[in-house]
């Protein structure tokens, strides 16, 4: 369950509580749905993801799958407990660096060849999504790819659902939409920057 937005986004305390109560609060490692979604997301990566940024890495289940495809990977989250779990999961994976950041204000410096933004934007307000899109565009390399994956179903405590998020990204971005997957439960879109 998701908390009500506070200061334009879901509060870190909610995610900290969930991470303390369970090693895998959303069953990322065991859910057939999550595993299938991760495989589809990997299919949408560029052939050579290069220097990659993952926003909202949580406990690192997808991060581990993504790391195998990337030259370097910067994985970011704002929950210290989730990040500690992710670091443990990927111990011995030297191309991965983890950082705690409040997004989008603390967007890492680019350029990145690939940015993966999975299941976080609907925790933000519409204004924050627009700001996030601008900041992601600013750190994306020419020809780079932005992948956005979002759960489609709403929650009365959240301002946005996945369909809202993808419409906002599409309306805000200067990037070109070049691949899209729609399922009953999630959207997966890839936008690319002009060279």
N, C-alpha and C. Protein backbone atom coordinates (compact mmCIF):
# COMPACT_ATOMS: atom_id res chain seq x y z
N UNK A 1 0.84 -1.18 0.00
CA UNK A 1 0.00 0.00 0.00
C UNK A 1 0.88 1.24 0.00
N UNK A 2 0.38 2.29 -0.58
CA UNK A 2 1.15 3.51 -0.73
C UNK A 2 0.62 4.61 0.17
N UNK A 3 1.52 5.44 0.67
CA UNK A 3 1.10 6.52 1.55
C UNK A 3 0.54 7.69 0.76
N UNK A 4 -0.16 8.55 1.46
CA UNK A 4 -0.62 9.79 0.84
C UNK A 4 0.59 10.68 0.57
N UNK A 5 0.54 11.40 -0.55
CA UNK A 5 1.63 12.30 -0.89
C UNK A 5 1.84 13.34 0.21
N UNK A 6 3.10 13.61 0.48
CA UNK A 6 3.47 14.63 1.45
C UNK A 6 4.61 15.41 0.83
N UNK A 7 4.44 16.72 0.63
CA UNK A 7 5.48 17.51 0.02
C UNK A 7 5.78 17.02 -1.40
N UNK A 8 4.72 16.77 -2.17
CA UNK A 8 4.81 16.38 -3.57
C UNK A 8 5.26 14.94 -3.82
N UNK A 9 5.48 14.16 -2.77
CA UNK A 9 5.91 12.76 -3.00
C UNK A 9 5.57 11.93 -1.77
N UNK A 10 5.57 10.63 -1.97
CA UNK A 10 5.38 9.73 -0.83
C UNK A 10 6.56 9.87 0.12
N UNK A 11 6.33 9.86 1.42
CA UNK A 11 7.41 10.10 2.39
C UNK A 11 8.34 8.89 2.54
N UNK A 12 9.61 9.19 2.74
CA UNK A 12 10.61 8.13 2.90
C UNK A 12 10.30 7.23 4.08
N UNK A 13 9.66 7.77 5.11
CA UNK A 13 9.34 6.98 6.30
C UNK A 13 8.49 5.75 5.97
N UNK A 14 7.60 5.90 5.01
CA UNK A 14 6.76 4.78 4.59
C UNK A 14 7.63 3.63 4.05
N UNK A 15 8.56 3.96 3.17
CA UNK A 15 9.42 2.94 2.56
C UNK A 15 10.42 2.38 3.56
N UNK A 16 10.86 3.20 4.48
CA UNK A 16 11.75 2.73 5.54
C UNK A 16 11.04 1.69 6.41
N UNK A 17 9.80 1.98 6.77
CA UNK A 17 9.04 1.04 7.59
C UNK A 17 8.87 -0.29 6.87
N UNK A 18 8.49 -0.23 5.59
CA UNK A 18 8.31 -1.46 4.82
C UNK A 18 9.61 -2.25 4.71
N UNK A 19 10.71 -1.56 4.48
CA UNK A 19 12.00 -2.25 4.34
C UNK A 19 12.47 -2.86 5.65
N UNK A 20 12.11 -2.23 6.75
CA UNK A 20 12.48 -2.80 8.06
C UNK A 20 11.63 -4.01 8.41
N UNK A 21 10.37 -4.02 7.95
CA UNK A 21 9.44 -5.09 8.29
C UNK A 21 9.63 -6.34 7.45
N UNK A 22 10.23 -6.20 6.26
CA UNK A 22 10.38 -7.35 5.36
C UNK A 22 11.63 -7.18 4.51
N UNK A 23 12.32 -8.29 4.25
CA UNK A 23 13.47 -8.26 3.35
C UNK A 23 13.06 -7.96 1.92
N UNK A 24 11.81 -8.25 1.57
CA UNK A 24 11.31 -8.05 0.21
C UNK A 24 9.83 -7.66 0.29
N UNK A 25 9.55 -6.39 0.63
CA UNK A 25 8.16 -5.97 0.91
C UNK A 25 7.19 -6.15 -0.25
N UNK A 26 7.67 -6.10 -1.48
CA UNK A 26 6.79 -6.22 -2.65
C UNK A 26 6.97 -7.56 -3.37
N UNK A 27 7.68 -8.50 -2.75
CA UNK A 27 7.92 -9.83 -3.35
C UNK A 27 8.61 -9.72 -4.71
N UNK A 28 9.52 -8.77 -4.85
CA UNK A 28 10.23 -8.58 -6.10
C UNK A 28 10.96 -9.86 -6.54
N UNK A 29 11.57 -10.56 -5.60
CA UNK A 29 12.39 -11.72 -5.94
C UNK A 29 11.57 -12.96 -6.26
N UNK A 30 10.33 -13.02 -5.79
CA UNK A 30 9.55 -14.26 -5.92
C UNK A 30 8.29 -14.13 -6.77
N UNK A 31 7.82 -12.92 -7.03
CA UNK A 31 6.59 -12.72 -7.78
C UNK A 31 6.79 -13.01 -9.27
N UNK A 32 5.95 -13.89 -9.83
CA UNK A 32 6.01 -14.16 -11.27
C UNK A 32 5.72 -12.89 -12.07
N UNK A 33 4.78 -12.09 -11.58
CA UNK A 33 4.47 -10.82 -12.25
C UNK A 33 5.70 -9.92 -12.31
N UNK A 34 6.38 -9.74 -11.18
CA UNK A 34 7.55 -8.86 -11.15
C UNK A 34 8.65 -9.41 -12.05
N UNK A 35 8.89 -10.70 -12.00
CA UNK A 35 9.95 -11.29 -12.81
C UNK A 35 9.67 -11.13 -14.30
N UNK A 36 8.42 -11.33 -14.71
CA UNK A 36 8.05 -11.14 -16.12
C UNK A 36 8.22 -9.68 -16.53
N UNK A 37 7.81 -8.76 -15.66
CA UNK A 37 7.96 -7.33 -15.95
C UNK A 37 9.43 -6.97 -16.09
N UNK A 38 10.27 -7.52 -15.22
CA UNK A 38 11.71 -7.25 -15.30
C UNK A 38 12.29 -7.77 -16.62
N UNK A 39 11.89 -8.96 -17.04
CA UNK A 39 12.40 -9.50 -18.31
C UNK A 39 11.99 -8.61 -19.47
N UNK A 40 10.75 -8.13 -19.46
CA UNK A 40 10.30 -7.25 -20.54
C UNK A 40 11.07 -5.93 -20.51
N UNK A 41 11.34 -5.42 -19.32
CA UNK A 41 12.11 -4.18 -19.21
C UNK A 41 13.51 -4.37 -19.78
N UNK A 42 14.15 -5.48 -19.46
CA UNK A 42 15.48 -5.77 -20.02
C UNK A 42 15.42 -5.86 -21.54
N UNK A 43 14.34 -6.40 -22.08
CA UNK A 43 14.19 -6.49 -23.54
C UNK A 43 14.15 -5.12 -24.19
N UNK A 44 13.71 -4.10 -23.46
CA UNK A 44 13.59 -2.76 -24.02
C UNK A 44 14.85 -1.91 -23.85
N UNK A 45 15.86 -2.47 -23.18
CA UNK A 45 17.12 -1.75 -23.06
C UNK A 45 17.77 -1.59 -24.43
N UNK A 46 18.56 -0.54 -24.62
CA UNK A 46 19.36 -0.46 -25.84
C UNK A 46 20.32 -1.64 -25.91
N UNK A 47 20.81 -1.94 -27.10
CA UNK A 47 21.74 -3.06 -27.27
C UNK A 47 22.98 -2.87 -26.39
N UNK A 48 23.41 -1.64 -26.24
CA UNK A 48 24.57 -1.31 -25.41
C UNK A 48 24.17 -0.22 -24.42
N UNK A 49 23.66 -0.60 -23.24
CA UNK A 49 23.16 0.40 -22.29
C UNK A 49 24.22 1.38 -21.78
N UNK A 50 25.51 1.00 -21.84
CA UNK A 50 26.58 1.91 -21.46
C UNK A 50 26.50 2.33 -20.01
N UNK A 51 26.72 3.63 -19.78
CA UNK A 51 26.64 4.20 -18.43
C UNK A 51 25.16 4.37 -18.08
N UNK A 52 24.70 3.62 -17.09
CA UNK A 52 23.26 3.52 -16.80
C UNK A 52 22.95 4.07 -15.42
N UNK A 53 21.79 4.72 -15.32
CA UNK A 53 21.27 5.24 -14.06
C UNK A 53 19.94 4.57 -13.79
N UNK A 54 19.81 3.95 -12.61
CA UNK A 54 18.54 3.38 -12.19
C UNK A 54 17.98 4.24 -11.06
N UNK A 55 16.81 4.80 -11.27
CA UNK A 55 16.16 5.63 -10.27
C UNK A 55 15.15 4.79 -9.51
N UNK A 56 15.27 4.75 -8.18
CA UNK A 56 14.36 3.97 -7.36
C UNK A 56 14.73 2.50 -7.36
N UNK A 57 15.96 2.17 -6.99
CA UNK A 57 16.44 0.79 -7.07
C UNK A 57 15.89 -0.10 -5.96
N UNK A 58 15.34 0.46 -4.91
CA UNK A 58 14.78 -0.30 -3.79
C UNK A 58 15.80 -1.29 -3.26
N UNK A 59 15.42 -2.56 -3.13
CA UNK A 59 16.29 -3.56 -2.50
C UNK A 59 17.22 -4.24 -3.49
N UNK A 60 17.20 -3.80 -4.76
CA UNK A 60 18.21 -4.24 -5.72
C UNK A 60 17.92 -5.50 -6.51
N UNK A 61 16.68 -5.99 -6.50
CA UNK A 61 16.37 -7.21 -7.25
C UNK A 61 16.54 -6.96 -8.75
N UNK A 62 15.88 -5.92 -9.28
CA UNK A 62 16.06 -5.60 -10.71
C UNK A 62 17.47 -5.08 -10.97
N UNK A 63 18.04 -4.38 -10.01
CA UNK A 63 19.40 -3.84 -10.16
C UNK A 63 20.37 -4.95 -10.51
N UNK A 64 20.24 -6.09 -9.87
CA UNK A 64 21.15 -7.21 -10.14
C UNK A 64 21.00 -7.70 -11.58
N UNK A 65 19.78 -7.75 -12.08
CA UNK A 65 19.54 -8.16 -13.47
C UNK A 65 20.09 -7.11 -14.43
N UNK A 66 19.88 -5.85 -14.10
CA UNK A 66 20.32 -4.75 -14.94
C UNK A 66 21.84 -4.66 -15.00
N UNK A 67 22.49 -4.90 -13.87
CA UNK A 67 23.95 -4.78 -13.79
C UNK A 67 24.66 -5.68 -14.78
N UNK A 68 24.08 -6.82 -15.06
CA UNK A 68 24.71 -7.77 -15.99
C UNK A 68 24.75 -7.23 -17.42
N UNK A 69 23.94 -6.20 -17.71
CA UNK A 69 23.87 -5.64 -19.07
C UNK A 69 24.66 -4.34 -19.23
N UNK A 70 25.07 -3.73 -18.12
CA UNK A 70 25.61 -2.36 -18.16
C UNK A 70 27.12 -2.33 -18.02
N UNK A 71 27.72 -1.33 -18.65
CA UNK A 71 29.15 -1.08 -18.44
C UNK A 71 29.37 -0.58 -17.01
N UNK A 72 28.60 0.44 -16.64
CA UNK A 72 28.56 0.92 -15.25
C UNK A 72 27.11 1.21 -14.91
N UNK A 73 26.80 1.12 -13.62
CA UNK A 73 25.43 1.35 -13.17
C UNK A 73 25.46 2.13 -11.87
N UNK A 74 24.76 3.26 -11.87
CA UNK A 74 24.53 4.04 -10.66
C UNK A 74 23.09 3.79 -10.25
N UNK A 75 22.90 3.17 -9.08
CA UNK A 75 21.57 2.83 -8.58
C UNK A 75 21.24 3.75 -7.41
N UNK A 76 20.09 4.40 -7.48
CA UNK A 76 19.73 5.46 -6.54
C UNK A 76 18.41 5.12 -5.85
N UNK A 77 18.33 5.41 -4.58
CA UNK A 77 17.08 5.32 -3.84
C UNK A 77 17.17 6.30 -2.67
N UNK A 78 16.03 6.59 -2.02
CA UNK A 78 16.08 7.49 -0.87
C UNK A 78 15.88 6.78 0.44
N UNK A 79 15.70 5.47 0.42
CA UNK A 79 15.53 4.69 1.65
C UNK A 79 16.86 4.06 2.06
N UNK A 80 17.44 4.48 3.18
CA UNK A 80 18.71 3.89 3.61
C UNK A 80 18.63 2.39 3.83
N UNK A 81 17.52 1.91 4.37
CA UNK A 81 17.38 0.48 4.64
C UNK A 81 17.31 -0.31 3.34
N UNK A 82 16.54 0.17 2.38
CA UNK A 82 16.47 -0.51 1.08
C UNK A 82 17.83 -0.51 0.41
N UNK A 83 18.54 0.61 0.46
CA UNK A 83 19.87 0.68 -0.15
C UNK A 83 20.84 -0.29 0.51
N UNK A 84 20.77 -0.44 1.81
CA UNK A 84 21.64 -1.40 2.50
C UNK A 84 21.36 -2.82 2.00
N UNK A 85 20.09 -3.14 1.79
CA UNK A 85 19.73 -4.46 1.27
C UNK A 85 20.24 -4.63 -0.16
N UNK A 86 20.13 -3.57 -0.96
CA UNK A 86 20.62 -3.64 -2.35
C UNK A 86 22.13 -3.82 -2.39
N UNK A 87 22.85 -3.08 -1.56
CA UNK A 87 24.31 -3.23 -1.52
C UNK A 87 24.70 -4.66 -1.15
N UNK A 88 24.00 -5.24 -0.19
CA UNK A 88 24.28 -6.61 0.22
C UNK A 88 24.01 -7.58 -0.93
N UNK A 89 22.90 -7.38 -1.62
CA UNK A 89 22.51 -8.26 -2.73
C UNK A 89 23.56 -8.21 -3.85
N UNK A 90 24.15 -7.06 -4.07
CA UNK A 90 25.09 -6.90 -5.18
C UNK A 90 26.54 -6.83 -4.73
N UNK A 91 26.82 -7.31 -3.54
CA UNK A 91 28.20 -7.32 -3.07
C UNK A 91 29.05 -8.08 -4.09
N UNK A 92 30.21 -7.52 -4.40
CA UNK A 92 31.09 -8.16 -5.37
C UNK A 92 30.79 -7.83 -6.82
N UNK A 93 29.95 -6.80 -7.03
CA UNK A 93 29.63 -6.35 -8.39
C UNK A 93 30.23 -4.96 -8.57
N UNK A 94 31.49 -4.88 -9.01
CA UNK A 94 32.22 -3.62 -8.96
C UNK A 94 31.69 -2.52 -9.89
N UNK A 95 30.95 -2.88 -10.92
CA UNK A 95 30.48 -1.84 -11.84
C UNK A 95 29.24 -1.10 -11.31
N UNK A 96 28.75 -1.50 -10.12
CA UNK A 96 27.55 -0.88 -9.56
C UNK A 96 27.93 -0.01 -8.37
N UNK A 97 27.42 1.21 -8.38
CA UNK A 97 27.58 2.15 -7.26
C UNK A 97 26.18 2.52 -6.78
N UNK A 98 26.00 2.55 -5.47
CA UNK A 98 24.72 2.92 -4.88
C UNK A 98 24.85 4.29 -4.21
N UNK A 99 23.82 5.11 -4.36
CA UNK A 99 23.79 6.42 -3.71
C UNK A 99 22.39 6.70 -3.19
N UNK A 100 22.36 7.32 -2.02
CA UNK A 100 21.08 7.80 -1.47
C UNK A 100 20.87 9.23 -1.96
N UNK A 101 19.76 9.45 -2.61
CA UNK A 101 19.43 10.77 -3.15
C UNK A 101 17.93 11.00 -3.08
N UNK A 102 17.57 12.25 -2.89
CA UNK A 102 16.17 12.67 -2.96
C UNK A 102 15.93 13.15 -4.38
N UNK A 103 15.03 12.50 -5.05
CA UNK A 103 14.79 12.80 -6.46
C UNK A 103 13.48 13.57 -6.64
N UNK A 104 13.41 14.42 -7.63
CA UNK A 104 14.41 14.65 -8.67
C UNK A 104 15.44 15.73 -8.33
N UNK A 105 15.32 16.36 -7.17
CA UNK A 105 16.20 17.49 -6.84
C UNK A 105 17.67 17.12 -6.85
N UNK A 106 17.99 15.91 -6.44
CA UNK A 106 19.38 15.48 -6.35
C UNK A 106 19.74 14.51 -7.47
N UNK A 107 19.28 14.83 -8.67
CA UNK A 107 19.58 14.00 -9.84
C UNK A 107 21.10 13.94 -10.03
N UNK A 108 21.65 12.75 -10.20
CA UNK A 108 23.11 12.65 -10.40
C UNK A 108 23.53 13.34 -11.70
N UNK A 109 24.79 13.73 -11.74
CA UNK A 109 25.32 14.37 -12.95
C UNK A 109 25.54 13.33 -14.03
N UNK A 110 25.21 13.70 -15.24
CA UNK A 110 25.39 12.82 -16.38
C UNK A 110 26.72 13.07 -17.06
N UNK A 111 26.82 12.66 -18.29
CA UNK A 111 25.73 12.08 -19.07
C UNK A 111 25.59 10.58 -18.83
N UNK A 112 24.35 10.10 -18.97
CA UNK A 112 24.04 8.68 -18.90
C UNK A 112 23.53 8.23 -20.26
N UNK A 113 23.95 7.05 -20.67
CA UNK A 113 23.48 6.49 -21.93
C UNK A 113 22.07 5.91 -21.79
N UNK A 114 21.75 5.44 -20.59
CA UNK A 114 20.45 4.84 -20.32
C UNK A 114 19.99 5.25 -18.93
N UNK A 115 18.72 5.62 -18.81
CA UNK A 115 18.10 5.86 -17.51
C UNK A 115 16.89 4.95 -17.40
N UNK A 116 16.82 4.21 -16.31
CA UNK A 116 15.68 3.33 -16.05
C UNK A 116 14.93 3.88 -14.84
N UNK A 117 13.67 4.14 -15.04
CA UNK A 117 12.84 4.76 -14.01
C UNK A 117 11.64 3.84 -13.80
N UNK A 118 11.78 2.91 -12.88
CA UNK A 118 10.77 1.89 -12.70
C UNK A 118 9.95 2.06 -11.44
N UNK A 119 8.66 2.22 -11.62
CA UNK A 119 7.70 2.17 -10.52
C UNK A 119 7.93 3.21 -9.43
N UNK A 120 8.35 4.42 -9.82
CA UNK A 120 8.49 5.46 -8.80
C UNK A 120 7.73 6.73 -9.11
N UNK A 121 7.51 7.05 -10.39
CA UNK A 121 6.99 8.37 -10.72
C UNK A 121 5.57 8.58 -10.21
N UNK A 122 4.77 7.54 -10.06
CA UNK A 122 3.41 7.74 -9.56
C UNK A 122 3.38 8.03 -8.06
N UNK A 123 4.52 7.96 -7.40
CA UNK A 123 4.61 8.39 -6.01
C UNK A 123 4.85 9.90 -5.90
N UNK A 124 5.01 10.56 -7.04
CA UNK A 124 5.26 12.00 -7.08
C UNK A 124 3.99 12.73 -7.53
N UNK A 125 3.99 14.04 -7.31
CA UNK A 125 2.92 14.88 -7.85
C UNK A 125 3.17 15.12 -9.34
N UNK A 126 2.15 15.63 -10.03
CA UNK A 126 2.30 15.94 -11.46
C UNK A 126 3.42 16.95 -11.68
N UNK A 127 3.49 17.98 -10.84
CA UNK A 127 4.55 18.99 -10.99
C UNK A 127 5.93 18.38 -10.81
N UNK A 128 6.05 17.47 -9.85
CA UNK A 128 7.34 16.84 -9.61
C UNK A 128 7.72 15.92 -10.77
N UNK A 129 6.76 15.24 -11.37
CA UNK A 129 7.04 14.41 -12.55
C UNK A 129 7.58 15.29 -13.67
N UNK A 130 6.94 16.43 -13.90
CA UNK A 130 7.41 17.34 -14.96
C UNK A 130 8.85 17.80 -14.68
N UNK A 131 9.11 18.16 -13.43
CA UNK A 131 10.47 18.57 -13.06
C UNK A 131 11.44 17.41 -13.25
N UNK A 132 11.02 16.22 -12.86
CA UNK A 132 11.87 15.04 -13.01
C UNK A 132 12.21 14.77 -14.46
N UNK A 133 11.23 14.90 -15.35
CA UNK A 133 11.48 14.69 -16.78
C UNK A 133 12.53 15.66 -17.27
N UNK A 134 12.41 16.94 -16.90
CA UNK A 134 13.39 17.93 -17.34
C UNK A 134 14.79 17.59 -16.83
N UNK A 135 14.88 17.15 -15.59
CA UNK A 135 16.18 16.81 -15.01
C UNK A 135 16.75 15.54 -15.65
N UNK A 136 15.90 14.56 -15.95
CA UNK A 136 16.40 13.36 -16.63
C UNK A 136 16.90 13.70 -18.03
N UNK A 137 16.15 14.53 -18.73
CA UNK A 137 16.60 14.95 -20.07
C UNK A 137 17.97 15.63 -20.00
N UNK A 138 18.18 16.42 -18.97
CA UNK A 138 19.43 17.18 -18.85
C UNK A 138 20.64 16.29 -18.64
N UNK A 139 20.45 15.08 -18.09
CA UNK A 139 21.60 14.21 -17.82
C UNK A 139 21.66 13.03 -18.79
N UNK A 140 20.77 12.99 -19.77
CA UNK A 140 20.77 11.91 -20.75
C UNK A 140 21.67 12.29 -21.92
N UNK A 141 22.56 11.38 -22.30
CA UNK A 141 23.49 11.62 -23.40
C UNK A 141 22.74 11.69 -24.73
N UNK A 142 23.28 12.40 -25.72
CA UNK A 142 22.68 12.37 -27.06
C UNK A 142 22.55 10.92 -27.54
N UNK A 143 21.37 10.58 -28.04
CA UNK A 143 21.12 9.21 -28.47
C UNK A 143 20.76 8.27 -27.34
N UNK A 144 20.75 8.78 -26.09
CA UNK A 144 20.47 7.95 -24.93
C UNK A 144 19.00 7.56 -24.82
N UNK A 145 18.72 6.58 -23.96
CA UNK A 145 17.36 6.06 -23.81
C UNK A 145 16.86 6.24 -22.39
N UNK A 146 15.59 6.61 -22.26
CA UNK A 146 14.89 6.68 -20.99
C UNK A 146 13.79 5.64 -21.00
N UNK A 147 13.86 4.69 -20.06
CA UNK A 147 12.81 3.68 -19.91
C UNK A 147 11.99 4.02 -18.67
N UNK A 148 10.68 4.07 -18.83
CA UNK A 148 9.78 4.32 -17.71
C UNK A 148 8.79 3.16 -17.63
N UNK A 149 8.71 2.57 -16.44
CA UNK A 149 7.79 1.45 -16.18
C UNK A 149 6.88 1.86 -15.03
N UNK A 150 5.57 1.70 -15.21
CA UNK A 150 4.64 2.18 -14.18
C UNK A 150 3.42 1.27 -14.06
N UNK A 151 3.07 0.95 -12.83
CA UNK A 151 1.85 0.23 -12.47
C UNK A 151 0.67 1.09 -12.87
N UNK A 152 -0.32 0.51 -13.52
CA UNK A 152 -1.41 1.29 -14.08
C UNK A 152 -2.53 1.58 -13.10
N UNK A 153 -2.67 0.79 -12.07
CA UNK A 153 -3.84 0.91 -11.20
C UNK A 153 -3.65 2.04 -10.19
N UNK A 154 -4.72 2.73 -9.91
CA UNK A 154 -4.66 3.87 -9.01
C UNK A 154 -4.72 3.48 -7.55
N UNK A 155 -4.51 4.47 -6.74
CA UNK A 155 -4.61 4.34 -5.29
C UNK A 155 -5.15 5.68 -4.80
N UNK A 156 -6.20 5.69 -3.99
CA UNK A 156 -6.79 6.96 -3.58
C UNK A 156 -5.84 7.86 -2.82
N UNK A 157 -4.75 7.31 -2.32
CA UNK A 157 -3.77 8.13 -1.60
C UNK A 157 -2.73 8.74 -2.51
N UNK A 158 -2.77 8.38 -3.79
CA UNK A 158 -1.80 8.93 -4.75
C UNK A 158 -2.53 9.81 -5.76
N UNK A 159 -1.87 10.85 -6.18
CA UNK A 159 -2.44 11.75 -7.17
C UNK A 159 -2.49 11.10 -8.55
N UNK A 160 -1.50 10.27 -8.87
CA UNK A 160 -1.33 9.75 -10.23
C UNK A 160 -1.36 8.23 -10.26
N UNK A 161 -1.79 7.69 -11.40
CA UNK A 161 -1.57 6.27 -11.68
C UNK A 161 -0.58 6.19 -12.85
N UNK A 162 -0.27 4.98 -13.28
CA UNK A 162 0.73 4.82 -14.33
C UNK A 162 0.34 5.47 -15.64
N UNK A 163 -0.94 5.39 -16.02
CA UNK A 163 -1.37 6.03 -17.25
C UNK A 163 -1.16 7.55 -17.18
N UNK A 164 -1.46 8.13 -16.02
CA UNK A 164 -1.25 9.57 -15.84
C UNK A 164 0.23 9.92 -16.00
N UNK A 165 1.08 9.10 -15.38
CA UNK A 165 2.52 9.36 -15.42
C UNK A 165 3.03 9.35 -16.86
N UNK A 166 2.66 8.33 -17.61
CA UNK A 166 3.19 8.21 -18.98
C UNK A 166 2.64 9.31 -19.87
N UNK A 167 1.41 9.73 -19.65
CA UNK A 167 0.87 10.87 -20.40
C UNK A 167 1.63 12.14 -20.05
N UNK A 168 1.95 12.34 -18.77
CA UNK A 168 2.73 13.52 -18.36
C UNK A 168 4.13 13.51 -18.97
N UNK A 169 4.78 12.36 -18.93
CA UNK A 169 6.12 12.26 -19.52
C UNK A 169 6.03 12.59 -21.00
N UNK A 170 5.07 12.00 -21.69
CA UNK A 170 4.93 12.22 -23.13
C UNK A 170 4.64 13.68 -23.45
N UNK A 171 3.83 14.33 -22.62
CA UNK A 171 3.49 15.74 -22.85
C UNK A 171 4.65 16.67 -22.53
N UNK A 172 5.52 16.26 -21.61
CA UNK A 172 6.58 17.13 -21.12
C UNK A 172 7.88 16.98 -21.91
N UNK A 173 8.18 15.78 -22.32
CA UNK A 173 9.51 15.49 -22.83
C UNK A 173 9.75 15.97 -24.26
N UNK A 174 11.02 16.24 -24.53
CA UNK A 174 11.46 16.52 -25.89
C UNK A 174 12.02 15.26 -26.53
N UNK A 175 12.07 14.17 -25.76
CA UNK A 175 12.58 12.90 -26.27
C UNK A 175 11.54 12.27 -27.19
N UNK A 176 11.99 11.33 -28.01
CA UNK A 176 11.12 10.68 -28.98
C UNK A 176 10.71 9.31 -28.47
N UNK A 177 9.41 9.03 -28.44
CA UNK A 177 8.92 7.72 -28.03
C UNK A 177 9.22 6.74 -29.16
N UNK A 178 9.99 5.67 -28.86
CA UNK A 178 10.31 4.74 -29.94
C UNK A 178 9.93 3.29 -29.63
N UNK A 179 9.45 3.01 -28.43
CA UNK A 179 8.97 1.65 -28.13
C UNK A 179 8.01 1.73 -26.96
N UNK A 180 6.99 0.87 -26.99
CA UNK A 180 5.97 0.92 -25.95
C UNK A 180 5.36 -0.46 -25.77
N UNK A 181 5.07 -0.79 -24.53
CA UNK A 181 4.38 -2.04 -24.20
C UNK A 181 3.26 -1.69 -23.22
N UNK A 182 2.06 -2.12 -23.52
CA UNK A 182 0.92 -1.89 -22.65
C UNK A 182 0.35 -3.24 -22.21
N UNK A 183 0.26 -3.44 -20.91
CA UNK A 183 -0.38 -4.63 -20.37
C UNK A 183 -1.53 -4.16 -19.48
N UNK A 184 -2.38 -5.05 -19.04
CA UNK A 184 -3.44 -4.61 -18.13
C UNK A 184 -2.91 -4.00 -16.83
N UNK A 185 -1.69 -4.37 -16.43
CA UNK A 185 -1.18 -3.94 -15.13
C UNK A 185 -0.09 -2.89 -15.18
N UNK A 186 0.67 -2.82 -16.26
CA UNK A 186 1.75 -1.83 -16.30
C UNK A 186 1.99 -1.32 -17.72
N UNK A 187 2.62 -0.15 -17.77
CA UNK A 187 3.07 0.44 -19.03
C UNK A 187 4.59 0.45 -19.02
N UNK A 188 5.17 0.22 -20.19
CA UNK A 188 6.61 0.27 -20.37
C UNK A 188 6.88 1.06 -21.63
N UNK A 189 7.49 2.23 -21.48
CA UNK A 189 7.79 3.08 -22.63
C UNK A 189 9.26 3.40 -22.66
N UNK A 190 9.78 3.50 -23.89
CA UNK A 190 11.18 3.92 -24.08
C UNK A 190 11.19 5.15 -24.97
N UNK A 191 11.80 6.21 -24.45
CA UNK A 191 12.02 7.44 -25.19
C UNK A 191 13.51 7.56 -25.47
N UNK A 192 13.86 8.17 -26.60
CA UNK A 192 15.27 8.35 -26.94
C UNK A 192 15.57 9.82 -27.22
N UNK A 193 16.80 10.21 -26.90
CA UNK A 193 17.25 11.58 -27.16
C UNK A 193 17.80 11.68 -28.58
N UNK A 194 17.56 12.80 -29.19
CA UNK A 194 18.16 13.04 -30.52
C UNK A 194 19.68 13.09 -30.41
N UNK A 195 20.34 12.66 -31.44
CA UNK A 195 21.81 12.69 -31.46
C UNK A 195 22.30 14.06 -31.86
